């Protein structure tokens, strides 16, 4: 199996990780920090708004089971990419919408996907799309946070309809 990675920011990284862990074909999702200037930042440093990093989830996936384009559709559906430096009640630059690509092909596909997705939103999409320069894993207590603590996300939803439309899960019977 050939695995690929992409790094998504869509608000609180706990919820982003939670959603992507439920997508068939995703092998792993790890939370961390990307897009800033500080090497190996701590959570407290990222929350201080001095590092430039976003809270992200690095998604490892099997492209034979789920395509990058399908993951992009999940990304657009799981959050509001028109909000600047926030997602729901979480406010700050670390909560910005971002796609940090791992290949030039991912960059081109992400930009094209953003342009197609714009038709679904009344306001402009503000998602930052650029090549990944570094990913710093978050502290251990942040990894698989909702699974470890028995909670569910408050800012994100698993976009079941999109998963059905993308052929990733069977359609619900009506």
N, C-alpha and C. Protein backbone atom coordinates (compact mmCIF):
# COMPACT_ATOMS: atom_id res chain seq x y z
N UNK A 1 0.85 -1.19 0.00
CA UNK A 1 0.00 0.00 0.00
C UNK A 1 0.88 1.24 0.00
N UNK A 2 0.61 2.12 -0.93
CA UNK A 2 1.32 3.40 -1.00
C UNK A 2 0.49 4.43 -0.25
N UNK A 3 1.04 5.01 0.78
CA UNK A 3 0.32 6.02 1.56
C UNK A 3 0.74 7.41 1.13
N UNK A 4 -0.20 8.36 1.26
CA UNK A 4 0.09 9.77 1.02
C UNK A 4 -0.34 10.55 2.26
N UNK A 5 0.15 11.79 2.36
CA UNK A 5 -0.21 12.66 3.47
C UNK A 5 -0.65 14.01 2.94
N UNK A 6 -1.52 14.65 3.72
CA UNK A 6 -1.92 16.04 3.51
C UNK A 6 -2.20 16.61 4.90
N UNK A 7 -2.05 17.91 5.04
CA UNK A 7 -2.22 18.54 6.34
C UNK A 7 -3.32 19.60 6.25
N UNK A 8 -4.37 19.43 7.06
CA UNK A 8 -5.54 20.31 7.03
C UNK A 8 -5.68 21.10 8.33
N UNK A 9 -6.02 22.37 8.21
CA UNK A 9 -6.43 23.19 9.34
C UNK A 9 -7.86 23.64 9.11
N UNK A 10 -8.72 23.42 10.09
CA UNK A 10 -10.14 23.78 9.93
C UNK A 10 -10.74 24.10 11.29
N UNK A 11 -10.02 24.86 12.09
CA UNK A 11 -10.48 25.14 13.45
C UNK A 11 -9.74 24.26 14.43
N UNK A 12 -10.37 23.98 15.55
CA UNK A 12 -9.77 23.17 16.60
C UNK A 12 -9.31 21.83 16.04
N UNK A 13 -8.04 21.51 16.23
CA UNK A 13 -7.51 20.29 15.63
C UNK A 13 -8.13 19.01 16.15
N UNK A 14 -8.70 19.03 17.34
CA UNK A 14 -9.36 17.82 17.85
C UNK A 14 -10.50 17.39 16.94
N UNK A 15 -11.32 18.35 16.50
CA UNK A 15 -12.46 18.04 15.65
C UNK A 15 -12.04 17.62 14.25
N UNK A 16 -11.00 18.27 13.71
CA UNK A 16 -10.51 17.92 12.38
C UNK A 16 -10.01 16.48 12.38
N UNK A 17 -9.23 16.14 13.39
CA UNK A 17 -8.73 14.78 13.53
C UNK A 17 -9.90 13.80 13.66
N UNK A 18 -10.86 14.12 14.50
CA UNK A 18 -12.03 13.26 14.74
C UNK A 18 -12.75 12.94 13.44
N UNK A 19 -13.00 13.94 12.63
CA UNK A 19 -13.72 13.73 11.37
C UNK A 19 -12.90 12.86 10.42
N UNK A 20 -11.64 13.21 10.21
CA UNK A 20 -10.85 12.47 9.23
C UNK A 20 -10.59 11.03 9.67
N UNK A 21 -10.53 10.76 10.96
CA UNK A 21 -10.36 9.38 11.42
C UNK A 21 -11.57 8.51 11.03
N UNK A 22 -12.68 9.13 10.71
CA UNK A 22 -13.90 8.40 10.36
C UNK A 22 -14.10 8.26 8.85
N UNK A 23 -13.16 8.73 8.07
CA UNK A 23 -13.26 8.62 6.62
C UNK A 23 -12.61 7.30 6.18
N UNK A 24 -13.37 6.42 5.53
CA UNK A 24 -12.76 5.18 5.03
C UNK A 24 -11.58 5.49 4.11
N UNK A 25 -10.49 4.78 4.33
CA UNK A 25 -9.28 5.01 3.54
C UNK A 25 -8.25 5.88 4.24
N UNK A 26 -8.68 6.58 5.29
CA UNK A 26 -7.71 7.33 6.10
C UNK A 26 -7.05 6.33 7.04
N UNK A 27 -5.75 6.27 6.98
CA UNK A 27 -4.96 5.32 7.76
C UNK A 27 -4.64 5.88 9.14
N UNK A 28 -4.39 7.20 9.21
CA UNK A 28 -4.05 7.84 10.47
C UNK A 28 -4.31 9.34 10.35
N UNK A 29 -4.52 9.96 11.48
CA UNK A 29 -4.61 11.41 11.57
C UNK A 29 -3.91 11.80 12.86
N UNK A 30 -3.02 12.76 12.77
CA UNK A 30 -2.26 13.22 13.92
C UNK A 30 -2.38 14.73 14.01
N UNK A 31 -2.64 15.24 15.22
CA UNK A 31 -2.76 16.69 15.38
C UNK A 31 -1.40 17.31 15.63
N UNK A 32 -1.30 18.58 15.21
CA UNK A 32 -0.05 19.30 15.38
C UNK A 32 -0.17 20.73 14.93
N UNK A 33 0.97 21.30 14.59
CA UNK A 33 1.05 22.72 14.25
C UNK A 33 1.83 22.89 12.94
N UNK A 34 1.34 23.80 12.09
CA UNK A 34 1.99 24.10 10.81
C UNK A 34 1.70 25.53 10.41
N UNK A 35 2.53 26.02 9.51
CA UNK A 35 2.28 27.32 8.88
C UNK A 35 2.91 28.50 9.57
N UNK A 36 3.68 28.27 10.61
CA UNK A 36 4.26 29.38 11.35
C UNK A 36 5.77 29.44 11.27
N UNK A 37 6.34 30.23 12.18
CA UNK A 37 7.79 30.49 12.15
C UNK A 37 8.55 29.84 13.30
N UNK A 38 7.87 29.45 14.36
CA UNK A 38 8.53 28.89 15.54
C UNK A 38 8.77 27.40 15.34
N UNK A 39 10.00 26.97 15.57
CA UNK A 39 10.31 25.54 15.48
C UNK A 39 9.80 24.82 16.71
N UNK A 40 9.13 23.68 16.50
CA UNK A 40 8.65 22.80 17.56
C UNK A 40 7.92 23.56 18.68
N UNK A 41 6.84 24.28 18.32
CA UNK A 41 6.14 25.08 19.33
C UNK A 41 5.33 24.22 20.29
N UNK A 42 5.04 24.78 21.43
CA UNK A 42 4.13 24.15 22.39
C UNK A 42 2.72 24.68 22.13
N UNK A 43 1.75 24.00 22.70
CA UNK A 43 0.36 24.45 22.59
C UNK A 43 0.22 25.87 23.15
N UNK A 44 0.84 26.12 24.28
CA UNK A 44 0.75 27.45 24.90
C UNK A 44 1.35 28.52 23.99
N UNK A 45 2.45 28.20 23.33
CA UNK A 45 3.06 29.17 22.41
C UNK A 45 2.14 29.44 21.22
N UNK A 46 1.53 28.39 20.67
CA UNK A 46 0.62 28.58 19.53
C UNK A 46 -0.56 29.44 19.95
N UNK A 47 -1.08 29.21 21.16
CA UNK A 47 -2.21 30.00 21.66
C UNK A 47 -1.84 31.44 21.98
N UNK A 48 -0.55 31.75 22.05
CA UNK A 48 -0.10 33.12 22.34
C UNK A 48 -0.14 34.01 21.10
N UNK A 49 -0.41 33.41 19.93
CA UNK A 49 -0.51 34.15 18.66
C UNK A 49 0.82 34.78 18.25
N UNK A 50 1.92 34.20 18.68
CA UNK A 50 3.24 34.73 18.31
C UNK A 50 4.00 33.79 17.38
N UNK A 51 3.48 32.59 17.16
CA UNK A 51 4.21 31.59 16.36
C UNK A 51 3.81 31.58 14.89
N UNK A 52 2.60 32.06 14.60
CA UNK A 52 2.09 31.99 13.23
C UNK A 52 1.53 30.64 12.84
N UNK A 53 1.58 29.67 13.74
CA UNK A 53 1.11 28.32 13.41
C UNK A 53 -0.40 28.20 13.52
N UNK A 54 -0.93 27.31 12.71
CA UNK A 54 -2.33 26.89 12.79
C UNK A 54 -2.38 25.53 13.47
N UNK A 55 -3.48 25.27 14.16
CA UNK A 55 -3.75 23.92 14.64
C UNK A 55 -4.18 23.11 13.42
N UNK A 56 -3.52 21.97 13.20
CA UNK A 56 -3.78 21.17 12.01
C UNK A 56 -3.88 19.70 12.35
N UNK A 57 -4.37 18.94 11.39
CA UNK A 57 -4.34 17.49 11.47
C UNK A 57 -3.65 16.98 10.22
N UNK A 58 -2.58 16.23 10.43
CA UNK A 58 -1.89 15.62 9.29
C UNK A 58 -2.54 14.26 9.03
N UNK A 59 -3.10 14.12 7.84
CA UNK A 59 -3.89 12.96 7.47
C UNK A 59 -3.06 12.05 6.57
N UNK A 60 -2.92 10.81 6.98
CA UNK A 60 -2.27 9.79 6.16
C UNK A 60 -3.38 8.94 5.56
N UNK A 61 -3.33 8.77 4.23
CA UNK A 61 -4.42 8.06 3.56
C UNK A 61 -3.91 7.11 2.49
N UNK A 62 -4.75 6.14 2.19
CA UNK A 62 -4.48 5.16 1.14
C UNK A 62 -5.20 5.65 -0.12
N UNK A 63 -4.46 6.15 -1.12
CA UNK A 63 -5.11 6.73 -2.31
C UNK A 63 -5.86 5.71 -3.16
N UNK A 64 -5.67 4.42 -2.87
CA UNK A 64 -6.46 3.40 -3.58
C UNK A 64 -7.85 3.25 -2.95
N UNK A 65 -8.03 3.77 -1.74
CA UNK A 65 -9.32 3.67 -1.04
C UNK A 65 -10.04 5.02 -0.97
N UNK A 66 -9.29 6.10 -0.86
CA UNK A 66 -9.87 7.45 -0.81
C UNK A 66 -8.92 8.38 -1.56
N UNK A 67 -9.48 9.14 -2.47
CA UNK A 67 -8.63 10.04 -3.26
C UNK A 67 -8.42 11.36 -2.53
N UNK A 68 -7.41 12.07 -2.94
CA UNK A 68 -7.16 13.40 -2.40
C UNK A 68 -8.36 14.30 -2.67
N UNK A 69 -8.94 14.20 -3.87
CA UNK A 69 -10.13 15.01 -4.20
C UNK A 69 -11.29 14.71 -3.26
N UNK A 70 -11.48 13.44 -2.89
CA UNK A 70 -12.54 13.10 -1.94
C UNK A 70 -12.26 13.70 -0.56
N UNK A 71 -11.02 13.67 -0.14
CA UNK A 71 -10.67 14.28 1.15
C UNK A 71 -10.93 15.78 1.12
N UNK A 72 -10.67 16.42 -0.01
CA UNK A 72 -10.96 17.85 -0.13
C UNK A 72 -12.45 18.12 0.03
N UNK A 73 -13.30 17.27 -0.54
CA UNK A 73 -14.74 17.46 -0.39
C UNK A 73 -15.16 17.34 1.07
N UNK A 74 -14.56 16.41 1.79
CA UNK A 74 -14.84 16.28 3.23
C UNK A 74 -14.39 17.55 3.95
N UNK A 75 -13.22 18.05 3.62
CA UNK A 75 -12.67 19.26 4.22
C UNK A 75 -13.63 20.45 4.05
N UNK A 76 -14.10 20.69 2.83
CA UNK A 76 -14.99 21.83 2.59
C UNK A 76 -16.31 21.69 3.34
N UNK A 77 -16.76 20.44 3.53
CA UNK A 77 -18.05 20.20 4.18
C UNK A 77 -17.98 20.21 5.71
N UNK A 78 -16.81 20.00 6.28
CA UNK A 78 -16.71 19.84 7.74
C UNK A 78 -16.58 21.14 8.50
N UNK A 79 -16.36 22.26 7.79
CA UNK A 79 -16.18 23.54 8.49
C UNK A 79 -16.62 24.67 7.57
N UNK A 80 -16.58 25.89 8.08
CA UNK A 80 -16.93 27.07 7.29
C UNK A 80 -15.64 27.75 6.83
N UNK A 81 -15.22 27.50 5.58
CA UNK A 81 -13.95 28.05 5.11
C UNK A 81 -14.00 29.54 4.79
N UNK A 82 -15.14 30.19 5.06
CA UNK A 82 -15.23 31.63 4.82
C UNK A 82 -14.92 32.44 6.07
N UNK A 83 -14.80 31.77 7.20
CA UNK A 83 -14.50 32.48 8.45
C UNK A 83 -12.99 32.75 8.52
N UNK A 84 -12.63 33.95 8.92
CA UNK A 84 -11.23 34.34 9.03
C UNK A 84 -10.78 34.16 10.47
N UNK A 85 -9.74 33.35 10.65
CA UNK A 85 -9.12 33.16 11.97
C UNK A 85 -10.11 32.76 13.05
N UNK A 86 -11.00 31.85 12.69
CA UNK A 86 -11.94 31.33 13.68
C UNK A 86 -12.68 30.14 13.10
N UNK A 87 -13.33 29.42 13.98
CA UNK A 87 -14.27 28.39 13.59
C UNK A 87 -15.24 28.26 14.74
N UNK A 88 -16.48 28.66 14.49
CA UNK A 88 -17.48 28.65 15.55
C UNK A 88 -17.03 29.52 16.71
N UNK A 89 -17.09 28.99 17.94
CA UNK A 89 -16.74 29.80 19.11
C UNK A 89 -15.23 29.97 19.31
N UNK A 90 -14.41 29.22 18.53
CA UNK A 90 -12.96 29.32 18.68
C UNK A 90 -12.43 30.45 17.80
N UNK A 91 -11.78 31.42 18.44
CA UNK A 91 -11.30 32.60 17.72
C UNK A 91 -9.79 32.72 17.91
N UNK A 92 -9.09 32.98 16.82
CA UNK A 92 -7.64 33.17 16.85
C UNK A 92 -7.01 32.67 15.57
N UNK A 93 -5.84 33.18 15.24
CA UNK A 93 -5.19 32.80 13.99
C UNK A 93 -4.85 31.31 13.93
N UNK A 94 -4.73 30.66 15.09
CA UNK A 94 -4.42 29.23 15.09
C UNK A 94 -5.60 28.40 14.61
N UNK A 95 -6.78 29.00 14.50
CA UNK A 95 -7.98 28.27 14.06
C UNK A 95 -8.32 28.54 12.59
N UNK A 96 -7.40 29.13 11.86
CA UNK A 96 -7.67 29.47 10.46
C UNK A 96 -7.84 28.22 9.60
N UNK A 97 -8.53 28.40 8.50
CA UNK A 97 -8.73 27.35 7.52
C UNK A 97 -7.49 27.29 6.63
N UNK A 98 -6.91 26.10 6.49
CA UNK A 98 -5.68 25.97 5.71
C UNK A 98 -5.53 24.56 5.16
N UNK A 99 -4.89 24.50 4.00
CA UNK A 99 -4.48 23.23 3.42
C UNK A 99 -2.99 23.36 3.14
N UNK A 100 -2.21 22.52 3.81
CA UNK A 100 -0.78 22.49 3.59
C UNK A 100 -0.49 21.23 2.78
N UNK A 101 -0.12 21.45 1.52
CA UNK A 101 0.03 20.35 0.58
C UNK A 101 1.43 19.73 0.68
N UNK A 102 1.50 18.45 0.29
CA UNK A 102 2.75 17.72 0.36
C UNK A 102 3.39 17.50 -1.00
N UNK A 103 2.66 17.81 -2.08
CA UNK A 103 3.20 17.67 -3.44
C UNK A 103 2.67 18.81 -4.31
N UNK A 104 3.36 19.10 -5.42
CA UNK A 104 2.83 20.10 -6.35
C UNK A 104 1.46 19.71 -6.91
N UNK A 105 1.23 18.41 -7.10
CA UNK A 105 -0.07 17.95 -7.61
C UNK A 105 -1.18 18.25 -6.60
N UNK A 106 -0.90 18.02 -5.32
CA UNK A 106 -1.89 18.36 -4.29
C UNK A 106 -2.18 19.86 -4.29
N UNK A 107 -1.17 20.67 -4.45
CA UNK A 107 -1.37 22.12 -4.47
C UNK A 107 -2.32 22.52 -5.59
N UNK A 108 -2.07 22.02 -6.79
CA UNK A 108 -2.94 22.35 -7.94
C UNK A 108 -4.36 21.84 -7.72
N UNK A 109 -4.50 20.62 -7.20
CA UNK A 109 -5.84 20.08 -6.96
C UNK A 109 -6.57 20.85 -5.86
N UNK A 110 -5.86 21.24 -4.82
CA UNK A 110 -6.49 22.00 -3.73
C UNK A 110 -6.99 23.35 -4.22
N UNK A 111 -6.20 24.03 -5.03
CA UNK A 111 -6.62 25.33 -5.57
C UNK A 111 -7.83 25.17 -6.49
N UNK A 112 -7.82 24.15 -7.34
CA UNK A 112 -8.96 23.91 -8.23
C UNK A 112 -10.20 23.54 -7.43
N UNK A 113 -10.03 22.74 -6.39
CA UNK A 113 -11.15 22.35 -5.54
C UNK A 113 -11.74 23.56 -4.83
N UNK A 114 -10.89 24.44 -4.34
CA UNK A 114 -11.37 25.68 -3.69
C UNK A 114 -12.22 26.49 -4.67
N UNK A 115 -11.74 26.60 -5.89
CA UNK A 115 -12.47 27.38 -6.89
C UNK A 115 -13.84 26.76 -7.17
N UNK A 116 -13.92 25.44 -7.24
CA UNK A 116 -15.22 24.76 -7.45
C UNK A 116 -16.11 24.92 -6.22
N UNK A 117 -15.53 24.79 -5.03
CA UNK A 117 -16.31 24.87 -3.79
C UNK A 117 -16.88 26.26 -3.56
N UNK A 118 -16.24 27.28 -4.09
CA UNK A 118 -16.69 28.65 -3.85
C UNK A 118 -18.16 28.84 -4.23
N UNK A 119 -18.65 28.12 -5.20
CA UNK A 119 -20.05 28.24 -5.63
C UNK A 119 -21.02 27.89 -4.50
N UNK A 120 -20.58 27.13 -3.51
CA UNK A 120 -21.44 26.71 -2.40
C UNK A 120 -21.53 27.74 -1.28
N UNK A 121 -20.72 28.78 -1.35
CA UNK A 121 -20.64 29.74 -0.24
C UNK A 121 -20.96 31.15 -0.72
N UNK A 122 -21.73 31.87 0.10
CA UNK A 122 -22.10 33.25 -0.25
C UNK A 122 -20.92 34.21 -0.05
N UNK A 123 -20.06 33.90 0.91
CA UNK A 123 -18.89 34.75 1.17
C UNK A 123 -17.64 34.11 0.57
N UNK A 124 -16.60 34.88 0.35
CA UNK A 124 -15.37 34.31 -0.23
C UNK A 124 -14.71 33.29 0.71
N UNK A 125 -14.21 32.22 0.12
CA UNK A 125 -13.42 31.25 0.88
C UNK A 125 -12.09 31.91 1.22
N UNK A 126 -11.70 31.79 2.47
CA UNK A 126 -10.45 32.43 2.94
C UNK A 126 -9.35 31.41 3.23
N UNK A 127 -9.57 30.17 2.86
CA UNK A 127 -8.63 29.10 3.15
C UNK A 127 -7.25 29.39 2.56
N UNK A 128 -6.25 29.29 3.42
CA UNK A 128 -4.85 29.41 3.00
C UNK A 128 -4.45 28.08 2.37
N UNK A 129 -3.89 28.12 1.17
CA UNK A 129 -3.42 26.91 0.50
C UNK A 129 -1.97 27.15 0.09
N UNK A 130 -1.08 26.31 0.64
CA UNK A 130 0.33 26.44 0.29
C UNK A 130 1.08 25.16 0.65
N UNK A 131 2.28 25.00 0.09
CA UNK A 131 3.06 23.81 0.40
C UNK A 131 3.43 23.75 1.88
N UNK A 132 3.43 22.56 2.42
CA UNK A 132 3.85 22.33 3.79
C UNK A 132 5.35 22.60 3.90
N UNK A 133 5.72 23.37 4.90
CA UNK A 133 7.15 23.56 5.17
C UNK A 133 7.59 22.75 6.37
N UNK A 134 6.72 22.60 7.35
CA UNK A 134 7.03 21.79 8.54
C UNK A 134 5.74 21.41 9.24
N UNK A 135 5.76 20.25 9.87
CA UNK A 135 4.66 19.80 10.71
C UNK A 135 5.28 19.40 12.04
N UNK A 136 4.73 19.97 13.11
CA UNK A 136 5.20 19.66 14.45
C UNK A 136 4.08 18.96 15.20
N UNK A 137 4.25 17.69 15.54
CA UNK A 137 3.19 16.99 16.29
C UNK A 137 2.89 17.70 17.61
N UNK A 138 1.61 17.75 17.94
CA UNK A 138 1.19 18.34 19.22
C UNK A 138 1.53 17.36 20.35
N UNK A 139 1.43 17.88 21.53
CA UNK A 139 1.69 17.10 22.73
C UNK A 139 0.78 15.87 22.76
N UNK A 140 1.23 14.82 23.43
CA UNK A 140 0.53 13.55 23.45
C UNK A 140 -0.91 13.65 23.92
N UNK A 141 -1.18 14.50 24.90
CA UNK A 141 -2.55 14.57 25.41
C UNK A 141 -3.54 15.14 24.40
N UNK A 142 -3.04 15.77 23.32
CA UNK A 142 -3.93 16.28 22.27
C UNK A 142 -4.28 15.20 21.24
N UNK A 143 -3.47 14.17 21.13
CA UNK A 143 -3.69 13.14 20.11
C UNK A 143 -4.92 12.31 20.45
N UNK A 144 -5.78 12.08 19.44
CA UNK A 144 -7.02 11.29 19.62
C UNK A 144 -7.78 11.77 20.86
N UNK A 145 -7.83 13.07 21.04
CA UNK A 145 -8.39 13.68 22.25
C UNK A 145 -9.83 13.23 22.52
N UNK A 146 -10.69 13.31 21.51
CA UNK A 146 -12.10 12.97 21.74
C UNK A 146 -12.26 11.49 22.06
N UNK A 147 -11.51 10.63 21.38
CA UNK A 147 -11.59 9.21 21.67
C UNK A 147 -11.16 8.92 23.10
N UNK A 148 -10.09 9.55 23.55
CA UNK A 148 -9.56 9.31 24.90
C UNK A 148 -10.48 9.88 25.99
N UNK A 149 -11.22 10.93 25.67
CA UNK A 149 -12.01 11.63 26.68
C UNK A 149 -13.51 11.42 26.56
N UNK A 150 -13.94 10.62 25.58
CA UNK A 150 -15.36 10.29 25.46
C UNK A 150 -16.25 11.44 25.06
N UNK A 151 -15.70 12.41 24.35
CA UNK A 151 -16.48 13.56 23.89
C UNK A 151 -16.64 13.51 22.38
N UNK A 152 -17.47 14.40 21.85
CA UNK A 152 -17.59 14.58 20.41
C UNK A 152 -17.34 16.05 20.10
N UNK A 153 -16.98 16.35 18.85
CA UNK A 153 -16.64 17.73 18.49
C UNK A 153 -17.80 18.70 18.69
N UNK A 154 -17.46 19.94 19.02
CA UNK A 154 -18.46 20.99 19.16
C UNK A 154 -18.43 21.96 17.99
N UNK A 155 -17.39 21.92 17.16
CA UNK A 155 -17.30 22.84 16.01
C UNK A 155 -17.37 22.11 14.67
N UNK A 156 -17.30 20.80 14.67
CA UNK A 156 -17.25 20.05 13.43
C UNK A 156 -18.32 18.95 13.43
N UNK A 157 -18.72 18.59 12.22
CA UNK A 157 -19.64 17.47 12.05
C UNK A 157 -19.02 16.52 11.04
N UNK A 158 -19.29 15.25 11.23
CA UNK A 158 -18.90 14.27 10.22
C UNK A 158 -19.89 14.44 9.07
N UNK A 159 -19.41 14.87 7.89
CA UNK A 159 -20.34 15.16 6.78
C UNK A 159 -20.79 13.88 6.08
N UNK A 160 -21.72 13.18 6.73
CA UNK A 160 -22.17 11.88 6.26
C UNK A 160 -22.68 11.94 4.82
N UNK A 161 -23.45 12.97 4.49
CA UNK A 161 -23.99 13.07 3.13
C UNK A 161 -22.87 13.17 2.09
N UNK A 162 -21.83 13.93 2.41
CA UNK A 162 -20.68 14.04 1.50
C UNK A 162 -19.97 12.70 1.38
N UNK A 163 -19.81 12.00 2.49
CA UNK A 163 -19.18 10.67 2.44
C UNK A 163 -19.99 9.73 1.56
N UNK A 164 -21.32 9.83 1.63
CA UNK A 164 -22.19 9.02 0.76
C UNK A 164 -22.02 9.44 -0.70
N UNK A 165 -22.08 10.76 -0.95
CA UNK A 165 -21.98 11.27 -2.33
C UNK A 165 -20.65 10.91 -2.96
N UNK A 166 -19.59 10.84 -2.16
CA UNK A 166 -18.25 10.50 -2.66
C UNK A 166 -18.04 8.99 -2.78
N UNK A 167 -19.07 8.21 -2.41
CA UNK A 167 -18.98 6.77 -2.51
C UNK A 167 -18.10 6.13 -1.45
N UNK A 168 -17.85 6.86 -0.37
CA UNK A 168 -16.96 6.35 0.69
C UNK A 168 -17.71 5.50 1.71
N UNK A 169 -19.02 5.75 1.85
CA UNK A 169 -19.86 4.93 2.70
C UNK A 169 -21.16 4.67 1.96
N UNK A 170 -21.85 3.58 2.28
CA UNK A 170 -23.12 3.31 1.60
C UNK A 170 -24.14 4.39 1.94
N UNK A 171 -24.99 4.69 0.98
CA UNK A 171 -26.06 5.66 1.23
C UNK A 171 -27.05 5.09 2.21
N UNK A 172 -27.56 5.94 3.07
CA UNK A 172 -28.57 5.52 4.04
C UNK A 172 -29.85 5.17 3.30
N UNK A 173 -30.51 4.17 3.79
CA UNK A 173 -31.80 3.79 3.20
C UNK A 173 -32.88 4.71 3.71
N UNK A 174 -33.77 5.09 2.83
CA UNK A 174 -34.89 5.96 3.24
C UNK A 174 -36.21 5.26 3.07
